[in-house]
Every structure is written in structure tokens, then in C-alpha cells.
Amino acid sequence: MVLTQQILTKEDELTMVLKSDLNLLNWTETEPVHSIAQATAEYSIEGEINGILHSNYTIFYSEYNKEDIHKSTSTFIGYSFF
């Protein structure tokens, strides 16, 4: 994963590219209600940036496979804070 931070100035736009690995530490997800679930995740970041990333997601399952969730089809939106 490549994390990019943009710093804006009056004269120019500067871009700093920082490369780091993102590893999933924890994933918690609710059972879908009317095809919608909520999830939280925690990731470790190691490389040019180090720390813990916390994420929250809303997931819409257009096809849900209760026996094997990895065979489901979904769309999600979320936010993360570092």
C-alpha cells in the first residue's frame, strides 16, 4: 500500500509519497440486517509511516453467503483514522 500526503502552499502543490505495509490485526462485523452490516477493523502500518489505523465500514451485501462469507458480493464505504 502507498500512503500519500499532500501539503498545499500558496505557490505550489507538494506531494510526499510514503510507502508502508498495511496488515490486518482485527476485524469485527455484525450480522447483516436487511443486507447491511457494520464492521470495525484495526491495521498495523509499518514502513515509512508506523502506527495503528482504525477503520469503520458500512457494508451492503448484494449477495450474502452465510456458509462462506468470502463467497458473498458486497459494496462498502468507510472511514479510517490514524
PDB file of N, CA and C in Angstrom:
ATOM      1  N   MET A   1       0.839  -1.168   0.000  1.00  0.00           N
ATOM      2  CA  MET A   1       0.000   0.000   0.000  1.00  0.00           C
ATOM      3  C   MET A   1       0.883   1.229   0.000  1.00  0.00           C
ATOM      4  N   VAL A   2       0.497   2.251  -0.701  1.00  0.00           N
ATOM      5  CA  VAL A   2       1.226   3.514  -0.716  1.00  0.00           C
ATOM      6  C   VAL A   2       0.338   4.576  -0.087  1.00  0.00           C
ATOM      7  N   LEU A   3       0.835   5.194   0.955  1.00  0.00           N
ATOM      8  CA  LEU A   3       0.118   6.283   1.604  1.00  0.00           C
ATOM      9  C   LEU A   3       0.641   7.590   1.036  1.00  0.00           C
ATOM     10  N   THR A   4      -0.241   8.475   0.619  1.00  0.00           N
ATOM     11  CA  THR A   4       0.163   9.746   0.039  1.00  0.00           C
ATOM     12  C   THR A   4      -0.386  10.888   0.878  1.00  0.00           C
ATOM     13  N   GLN A   5       0.463  11.836   1.202  1.00  0.00           N
ATOM     14  CA  GLN A   5       0.037  13.029   1.934  1.00  0.00           C
ATOM     15  C   GLN A   5       0.324  14.230   1.062  1.00  0.00           C
ATOM     16  N   GLN A   6      -0.668  15.092   0.889  1.00  0.00           N
ATOM     17  CA  GLN A   6      -0.476  16.302   0.102  1.00  0.00           C
ATOM     18  C   GLN A   6      -0.386  17.506   1.024  1.00  0.00           C
ATOM     19  N   ILE A   7       0.593  18.353   0.750  1.00  0.00           N
ATOM     20  CA  ILE A   7       0.775  19.588   1.506  1.00  0.00           C
ATOM     21  C   ILE A   7       0.581  20.737   0.530  1.00  0.00           C
ATOM     22  N   LEU A   8      -0.415  21.578   0.778  1.00  0.00           N
ATOM     23  CA  LEU A   8      -0.715  22.673  -0.137  1.00  0.00           C
ATOM     24  C   LEU A   8      -0.074  23.969   0.357  1.00  0.00           C
ATOM     25  N   THR A   9       0.536  24.701  -0.564  1.00  0.00           N
ATOM     26  CA  THR A   9       1.098  26.013  -0.257  1.00  0.00           C
ATOM     27  C   THR A   9       0.499  27.013  -1.227  1.00  0.00           C
ATOM     28  N   LYS A  10       0.739  28.295  -1.013  1.00  0.00           N
ATOM     29  CA  LYS A  10       0.217  29.320  -1.915  1.00  0.00           C
ATOM     30  C   LYS A  10       0.819  29.195  -3.313  1.00  0.00           C
ATOM     31  N   GLU A  11       2.118  28.879  -3.400  1.00  0.00           N
ATOM     32  CA  GLU A  11       2.801  28.865  -4.696  1.00  0.00           C
ATOM     33  C   GLU A  11       2.634  27.547  -5.452  1.00  0.00           C
ATOM     34  N   ASP A  12       2.774  26.442  -4.756  1.00  0.00           N
ATOM     35  CA  ASP A  12       2.810  25.135  -5.412  1.00  0.00           C
ATOM     36  C   ASP A  12       2.007  24.121  -4.614  1.00  0.00           C
ATOM     37  N   GLU A  13       1.776  23.005  -5.255  1.00  0.00           N
ATOM     38  CA  GLU A  13       1.226  21.863  -4.553  1.00  0.00           C
ATOM     39  C   GLU A  13       2.345  20.839  -4.424  1.00  0.00           C
ATOM     40  N   LEU A  14       2.689  20.466  -3.218  1.00  0.00           N
ATOM     41  CA  LEU A  14       3.743  19.498  -2.978  1.00  0.00           C
ATOM     42  C   LEU A  14       3.118  18.156  -2.620  1.00  0.00           C
ATOM     43  N   THR A  15       3.696  17.079  -3.115  1.00  0.00           N
ATOM     44  CA  THR A  15       3.213  15.750  -2.799  1.00  0.00           C
ATOM     45  C   THR A  15       4.352  14.941  -2.204  1.00  0.00           C
ATOM     46  N   MET A  16       4.066  14.280  -1.080  1.00  0.00           N
ATOM     47  CA  MET A  16       5.037  13.424  -0.432  1.00  0.00           C
ATOM     48  C   MET A  16       4.492  11.998  -0.497  1.00  0.00           C
ATOM     49  N   VAL A  17       5.247  11.050  -1.036  1.00  0.00           N
ATOM     50  CA  VAL A  17       4.818   9.665  -1.139  1.00  0.00           C
ATOM     51  C   VAL A  17       5.569   8.855  -0.088  1.00  0.00           C
ATOM     52  N   LEU A  18       4.806   8.180   0.757  1.00  0.00           N
ATOM     53  CA  LEU A  18       5.368   7.366   1.823  1.00  0.00           C
ATOM     54  C   LEU A  18       4.893   5.927   1.633  1.00  0.00           C
ATOM     55  N   LYS A  19       5.825   4.982   1.568  1.00  0.00           N
ATOM     56  CA  LYS A  19       5.462   3.582   1.350  1.00  0.00           C
ATOM     57  C   LYS A  19       5.498   2.824   2.670  1.00  0.00           C
ATOM     58  N   SER A  20       4.396   2.114   2.933  1.00  0.00           N
ATOM     59  CA  SER A  20       4.271   1.335   4.160  1.00  0.00           C
ATOM     60  C   SER A  20       3.436   0.090   3.888  1.00  0.00           C
ATOM     61  N   ASP A  21       3.627  -0.948   4.708  1.00  0.00           N
ATOM     62  CA  ASP A  21       2.817  -2.166   4.643  1.00  0.00           C
ATOM     63  C   ASP A  21       1.653  -2.033   5.605  1.00  0.00           C
ATOM     64  N   LEU A  22       0.503  -2.492   5.175  1.00  0.00           N
ATOM     65  CA  LEU A  22      -0.712  -2.445   5.967  1.00  0.00           C
ATOM     66  C   LEU A  22      -1.111  -3.888   6.280  1.00  0.00           C
ATOM     67  N   ASN A  23      -1.194  -4.250   7.567  1.00  0.00           N
ATOM     68  CA  ASN A  23      -1.522  -5.618   7.977  1.00  0.00           C
ATOM     69  C   ASN A  23      -2.747  -5.604   8.879  1.00  0.00           C
ATOM     70  N   LEU A  24      -3.742  -6.438   8.551  1.00  0.00           N
ATOM     71  CA  LEU A  24      -4.963  -6.519   9.335  1.00  0.00           C
ATOM     72  C   LEU A  24      -4.681  -7.194  10.672  1.00  0.00           C
ATOM     73  N   LEU A  25      -5.045  -6.524  11.767  1.00  0.00           N
ATOM     74  CA  LEU A  25      -4.885  -7.082  13.110  1.00  0.00           C
ATOM     75  C   LEU A  25      -6.199  -7.631  13.658  1.00  0.00           C
ATOM     76  N   ASN A  26      -7.304  -6.940  13.374  1.00  0.00           N
ATOM     77  CA  ASN A  26      -8.588  -7.335  13.939  1.00  0.00           C
ATOM     78  C   ASN A  26      -9.720  -6.894  13.018  1.00  0.00           C
ATOM     79  N   TRP A  27     -10.717  -7.749  12.843  1.00  0.00           N
ATOM     80  CA  TRP A  27     -11.906  -7.440  12.052  1.00  0.00           C
ATOM     81  C   TRP A  27     -13.126  -7.917  12.837  1.00  0.00           C
ATOM     82  N   THR A  28     -14.062  -7.030  13.101  1.00  0.00           N
ATOM     83  CA  THR A  28     -15.304  -7.372  13.786  1.00  0.00           C
ATOM     84  C   THR A  28     -16.452  -6.885  12.921  1.00  0.00           C
ATOM     85  N   GLU A  29     -17.398  -7.803  12.646  1.00  0.00           N
ATOM     86  CA  GLU A  29     -18.512  -7.459  11.755  1.00  0.00           C
ATOM     87  C   GLU A  29     -19.824  -7.974  12.330  1.00  0.00           C
ATOM     88  N   THR A  30     -20.862  -7.152  12.237  1.00  0.00           N
ATOM     89  CA  THR A  30     -22.187  -7.572  12.684  1.00  0.00           C
ATOM     90  C   THR A  30     -22.834  -8.450  11.628  1.00  0.00           C
ATOM     91  N   GLU A  31     -23.836  -9.222  12.036  1.00  0.00           N
ATOM     92  CA  GLU A  31     -24.646  -9.966  11.076  1.00  0.00           C
ATOM     93  C   GLU A  31     -25.453  -8.964  10.259  1.00  0.00           C
ATOM     94  N   PRO A  32     -25.581  -9.185   8.957  1.00  0.00           N
ATOM     95  CA  PRO A  32     -26.361  -8.245   8.136  1.00  0.00           C
ATOM     96  C   PRO A  32     -27.838  -8.215   8.533  1.00  0.00           C
ATOM     97  N   VAL A  33     -28.380  -7.013   8.565  1.00  0.00           N
ATOM     98  CA  VAL A  33     -29.811  -6.796   8.764  1.00  0.00           C
ATOM     99  C   VAL A  33     -30.300  -6.072   7.521  1.00  0.00           C
ATOM    100  N   HIS A  34     -31.237  -6.702   6.794  1.00  0.00           N
ATOM    101  CA  HIS A  34     -31.704  -6.166   5.514  1.00  0.00           C
ATOM    102  C   HIS A  34     -30.516  -5.902   4.586  1.00  0.00           C
ATOM    103  N   SER A  35     -29.569  -6.842   4.568  1.00  0.00           N
ATOM    104  CA  SER A  35     -28.378  -6.829   3.691  1.00  0.00           C
ATOM    105  C   SER A  35     -27.324  -5.805   4.073  1.00  0.00           C
ATOM    106  N   ILE A  36     -27.447  -5.155   5.234  1.00  0.00           N
ATOM    107  CA  ILE A  36     -26.467  -4.143   5.648  1.00  0.00           C
ATOM    108  C   ILE A  36     -25.823  -4.569   6.961  1.00  0.00           C
ATOM    109  N   ALA A  37     -24.483  -4.490   6.990  1.00  0.00           N
ATOM    110  CA  ALA A  37     -23.709  -4.824   8.184  1.00  0.00           C
ATOM    111  C   ALA A  37     -22.768  -3.671   8.518  1.00  0.00           C
ATOM    112  N   GLN A  38     -22.303  -3.664   9.756  1.00  0.00           N
ATOM    113  CA  GLN A  38     -21.301  -2.696  10.207  1.00  0.00           C
ATOM    114  C   GLN A  38     -20.034  -3.480  10.569  1.00  0.00           C
ATOM    115  N   ALA A  39     -18.877  -2.896  10.311  1.00  0.00           N
ATOM    116  CA  ALA A  39     -17.621  -3.555  10.654  1.00  0.00           C
ATOM    117  C   ALA A  39     -16.622  -2.541  11.190  1.00  0.00           C
ATOM    118  N   THR A  40     -15.759  -3.022  12.060  1.00  0.00           N
ATOM    119  CA  THR A  40     -14.622  -2.232  12.522  1.00  0.00           C
ATOM    120  C   THR A  40     -13.374  -3.055  12.247  1.00  0.00           C
ATOM    121  N   ALA A  41     -12.290  -2.363  11.965  1.00  0.00           N
ATOM    122  CA  ALA A  41     -11.028  -3.041  11.674  1.00  0.00           C
ATOM    123  C   ALA A  41      -9.883  -2.261  12.303  1.00  0.00           C
ATOM    124  N   GLU A  42      -8.825  -2.988  12.598  1.00  0.00           N
ATOM    125  CA  GLU A  42      -7.609  -2.379  13.120  1.00  0.00           C
ATOM    126  C   GLU A  42      -6.448  -2.925  12.289  1.00  0.00           C
ATOM    127  N   TYR A  43      -5.614  -2.029  11.799  1.00  0.00           N
ATOM    128  CA  TYR A  43      -4.484  -2.397  10.954  1.00  0.00           C
ATOM    129  C   TYR A  43      -3.190  -1.860  11.570  1.00  0.00           C
ATOM    130  N   SER A  44      -2.112  -2.613  11.420  1.00  0.00           N
ATOM    131  CA  SER A  44      -0.795  -2.069  11.776  1.00  0.00           C
ATOM    132  C   SER A  44      -0.166  -1.533  10.501  1.00  0.00           C
ATOM    133  N   ILE A  45       0.521  -0.420  10.619  1.00  0.00           N
ATOM    134  CA  ILE A  45       1.219   0.195   9.489  1.00  0.00           C
ATOM    135  C   ILE A  45       2.703   0.195   9.827  1.00  0.00           C
ATOM    136  N   GLU A  46       3.502  -0.366   8.929  1.00  0.00           N
ATOM    137  CA  GLU A  46       4.944  -0.433   9.140  1.00  0.00           C
ATOM    138  C   GLU A  46       5.666  -0.025   7.869  1.00  0.00           C
ATOM    139  N   GLY A  47       6.658   0.809   7.995  1.00  0.00           N
ATOM    140  CA  GLY A  47       7.430   1.294   6.847  1.00  0.00           C
ATOM    141  C   GLY A  47       7.863   2.713   7.114  1.00  0.00           C
ATOM    142  N   GLU A  48       7.613   3.583   6.140  1.00  0.00           N
ATOM    143  CA  GLU A  48       7.968   4.990   6.302  1.00  0.00           C
ATOM    144  C   GLU A  48       7.016   5.710   7.264  1.00  0.00           C
ATOM    145  N   ILE A  49       5.825   5.130   7.451  1.00  0.00           N
ATOM    146  CA  ILE A  49       4.888   5.571   8.482  1.00  0.00           C
ATOM    147  C   ILE A  49       4.611   4.349   9.348  1.00  0.00           C
ATOM    148  N   ASN A  50       4.611   4.507  10.656  1.00  0.00           N
ATOM    149  CA  ASN A  50       4.354   3.402  11.573  1.00  0.00           C
ATOM    150  C   ASN A  50       3.238   3.776  12.531  1.00  0.00           C
ATOM    151  N   GLY A  51       2.406   2.811  12.861  1.00  0.00           N
ATOM    152  CA  GLY A  51       1.346   3.067  13.832  1.00  0.00           C
ATOM    153  C   GLY A  51       0.185   2.117  13.643  1.00  0.00           C
ATOM    154  N   ILE A  52      -0.945   2.509  14.205  1.00  0.00           N
ATOM    155  CA  ILE A  52      -2.165   1.715  14.144  1.00  0.00           C
ATOM    156  C   ILE A  52      -3.241   2.544  13.440  1.00  0.00           C
ATOM    157  N   LEU A  53      -3.939   1.918  12.506  1.00  0.00           N
ATOM    158  CA  LEU A  53      -5.025   2.542  11.758  1.00  0.00           C
ATOM    159  C   LEU A  53      -6.333   1.905  12.204  1.00  0.00           C
ATOM    160  N   HIS A  54      -7.327   2.705  12.573  1.00  0.00           N
ATOM    161  CA  HIS A  54      -8.646   2.238  12.984  1.00  0.00           C
ATOM    162  C   HIS A  54      -9.644   2.597  11.892  1.00  0.00           C
ATOM    163  N   SER A  55     -10.467   1.626  11.490  1.00  0.00           N
ATOM    164  CA  SER A  55     -11.408   1.843  10.389  1.00  0.00           C
ATOM    165  C   SER A  55     -12.813   1.406  10.781  1.00  0.00           C
ATOM    166  N   ASN A  56     -13.804   2.089  10.222  1.00  0.00           N
ATOM    167  CA  ASN A  56     -15.221   1.754  10.388  1.00  0.00           C
ATOM    168  C   ASN A  56     -15.844   1.659   9.003  1.00  0.00           C
ATOM    169  N   TYR A  57     -16.650   0.616   8.787  1.00  0.00           N
ATOM    170  CA  TYR A  57     -17.249   0.387   7.479  1.00  0.00           C
ATOM    171  C   TYR A  57     -18.741   0.120   7.601  1.00  0.00           C
ATOM    172  N   THR A  58     -19.503   0.549   6.607  1.00  0.00           N
ATOM    173  CA  THR A  58     -20.873   0.115   6.382  1.00  0.00           C
ATOM    174  C   THR A  58     -20.830  -0.730   5.115  1.00  0.00           C
ATOM    175  N   ILE A  59     -21.353  -1.947   5.208  1.00  0.00           N
ATOM    176  CA  ILE A  59     -21.250  -2.915   4.110  1.00  0.00           C
ATOM    177  C   ILE A  59     -22.652  -3.269   3.624  1.00  0.00           C
ATOM    178  N   PHE A  60     -22.864  -3.183   2.312  1.00  0.00           N
ATOM    179  CA  PHE A  60     -24.114  -3.624   1.693  1.00  0.00           C
ATOM    180  C   PHE A  60     -23.839  -4.919   0.943  1.00  0.00           C
ATOM    181  N   TYR A  61     -24.504  -6.000   1.339  1.00  0.00           N
ATOM    182  CA  TYR A  61     -24.349  -7.293   0.670  1.00  0.00           C
ATOM    183  C   TYR A  61     -25.421  -7.450  -0.400  1.00  0.00           C
ATOM    184  N   SER A  62     -25.012  -7.407  -1.658  1.00  0.00           N
ATOM    185  CA  SER A  62     -25.966  -7.650  -2.744  1.00  0.00           C
ATOM    186  C   SER A  62     -26.218  -9.146  -2.895  1.00  0.00           C
ATOM    187  N   GLU A  63     -25.244  -9.983  -2.506  1.00  0.00           N
ATOM    188  CA  GLU A  63     -25.390 -11.445  -2.449  1.00  0.00           C
ATOM    189  C   GLU A  63     -24.660 -11.907  -1.195  1.00  0.00           C
ATOM    190  N   TYR A  64     -25.386 -12.499  -0.255  1.00  0.00           N
ATOM    191  CA  TYR A  64     -24.792 -12.917   1.020  1.00  0.00           C
ATOM    192  C   TYR A  64     -24.779 -14.433   1.118  1.00  0.00           C
ATOM    193  N   ASN A  65     -23.607 -15.019   1.374  1.00  0.00           N
ATOM    194  CA  ASN A  65     -23.447 -16.452   1.540  1.00  0.00           C
ATOM    195  C   ASN A  65     -23.104 -16.700   3.007  1.00  0.00           C
ATOM    196  N   LYS A  66     -24.101 -17.125   3.776  1.00  0.00           N
ATOM    197  CA  LYS A  66     -23.920 -17.309   5.219  1.00  0.00           C
ATOM    198  C   LYS A  66     -22.914 -18.417   5.539  1.00  0.00           C
ATOM    199  N   GLU A  67     -22.862 -19.469   4.717  1.00  0.00           N
ATOM    200  CA  GLU A  67     -21.936 -20.588   4.951  1.00  0.00           C
ATOM    201  C   GLU A  67     -20.480 -20.190   4.700  1.00  0.00           C
ATOM    202  N   ASP A  68     -20.244 -19.364   3.693  1.00  0.00           N
ATOM    203  CA  ASP A  68     -18.878 -18.909   3.370  1.00  0.00           C
ATOM    204  C   ASP A  68     -18.950 -17.437   2.970  1.00  0.00           C
ATOM    205  N   ILE A  69     -18.758 -16.559   3.945  1.00  0.00           N
ATOM    206  CA  ILE A  69     -18.902 -15.116   3.711  1.00  0.00           C
ATOM    207  C   ILE A  69     -17.958 -14.605   2.618  1.00  0.00           C
ATOM    208  N   HIS A  70     -16.838 -15.300   2.397  1.00  0.00           N
ATOM    209  CA  HIS A  70     -15.887 -14.881   1.362  1.00  0.00           C
ATOM    210  C   HIS A  70     -16.433 -15.088  -0.052  1.00  0.00           C
ATOM    211  N   LYS A  71     -17.530 -15.834  -0.173  1.00  0.00           N
ATOM    212  CA  LYS A  71     -18.186 -16.017  -1.470  1.00  0.00           C
ATOM    213  C   LYS A  71     -19.316 -15.005  -1.671  1.00  0.00           C
ATOM    214  N   SER A  72     -19.474 -14.078  -0.746  1.00  0.00           N
ATOM    215  CA  SER A  72     -20.504 -13.045  -0.846  1.00  0.00           C
ATOM    216  C   SER A  72     -20.042 -11.918  -1.765  1.00  0.00           C
ATOM    217  N   THR A  73     -21.012 -11.128  -2.224  1.00  0.00           N
ATOM    218  CA  THR A  73     -20.730  -9.939  -3.026  1.00  0.00           C
ATOM    219  C   THR A  73     -21.210  -8.722  -2.242  1.00  0.00           C
ATOM    220  N   SER A  74     -20.336  -7.719  -2.115  1.00  0.00           N
ATOM    221  CA  SER A  74     -20.708  -6.558  -1.311  1.00  0.00           C
ATOM    222  C   SER A  74     -20.072  -5.285  -1.839  1.00  0.00           C
ATOM    223  N   THR A  75     -20.611  -4.183  -1.366  1.00  0.00           N
ATOM    224  CA  THR A  75     -20.066  -2.850  -1.602  1.00  0.00           C
ATOM    225  C   THR A  75     -19.941  -2.200  -0.239  1.00  0.00           C
ATOM    226  N   PHE A  76     -18.876  -1.434  -0.030  1.00  0.00           N
ATOM    227  CA  PHE A  76     -18.723  -0.827   1.286  1.00  0.00           C
ATOM    228  C   PHE A  76     -18.227   0.607   1.189  1.00  0.00           C
ATOM    229  N   ILE A  77     -18.484   1.344   2.254  1.00  0.00           N
ATOM    230  CA  ILE A  77     -17.994   2.699   2.406  1.00  0.00           C
ATOM    231  C   ILE A  77     -17.516   2.814   3.862  1.00  0.00           C
ATOM    232  N   GLY A  78     -16.497   3.606   4.061  1.00  0.00           N
ATOM    233  CA  GLY A  78     -15.998   3.712   5.420  1.00  0.00           C
ATOM    234  C   GLY A  78     -15.034   4.860   5.586  1.00  0.00           C
ATOM    235  N   TYR A  79     -14.514   4.952   6.788  1.00  0.00           N
ATOM    236  CA  TYR A  79     -13.508   5.962   7.100  1.00  0.00           C
ATOM    237  C   TYR A  79     -12.488   5.357   8.047  1.00  0.00           C
ATOM    238  N   SER A  80     -11.308   5.943   8.052  1.00  0.00           N
ATOM    239  CA  SER A  80     -10.218   5.468   8.905  1.00  0.00           C
ATOM    240  C   SER A  80      -9.587   6.650   9.614  1.00  0.00           C
ATOM    241  N   PHE A  81      -9.061   6.383  10.790  1.00  0.00           N
ATOM    242  CA  PHE A  81      -8.283   7.406  11.492  1.00  0.00           C
ATOM    243  C   PHE A  81      -7.007   6.778  12.004  1.00  0.00           C
ATOM    244  N   PHE A  82      -5.960   7.587  12.005  1.00  0.00           N
ATOM    245  CA  PHE A  82      -4.607   7.133  12.307  1.00  0.00           C
ATOM    246  C   PHE A  82      -4.130   7.821  13.563  1.00  0.00           C
TER     247      PHE A  82
END
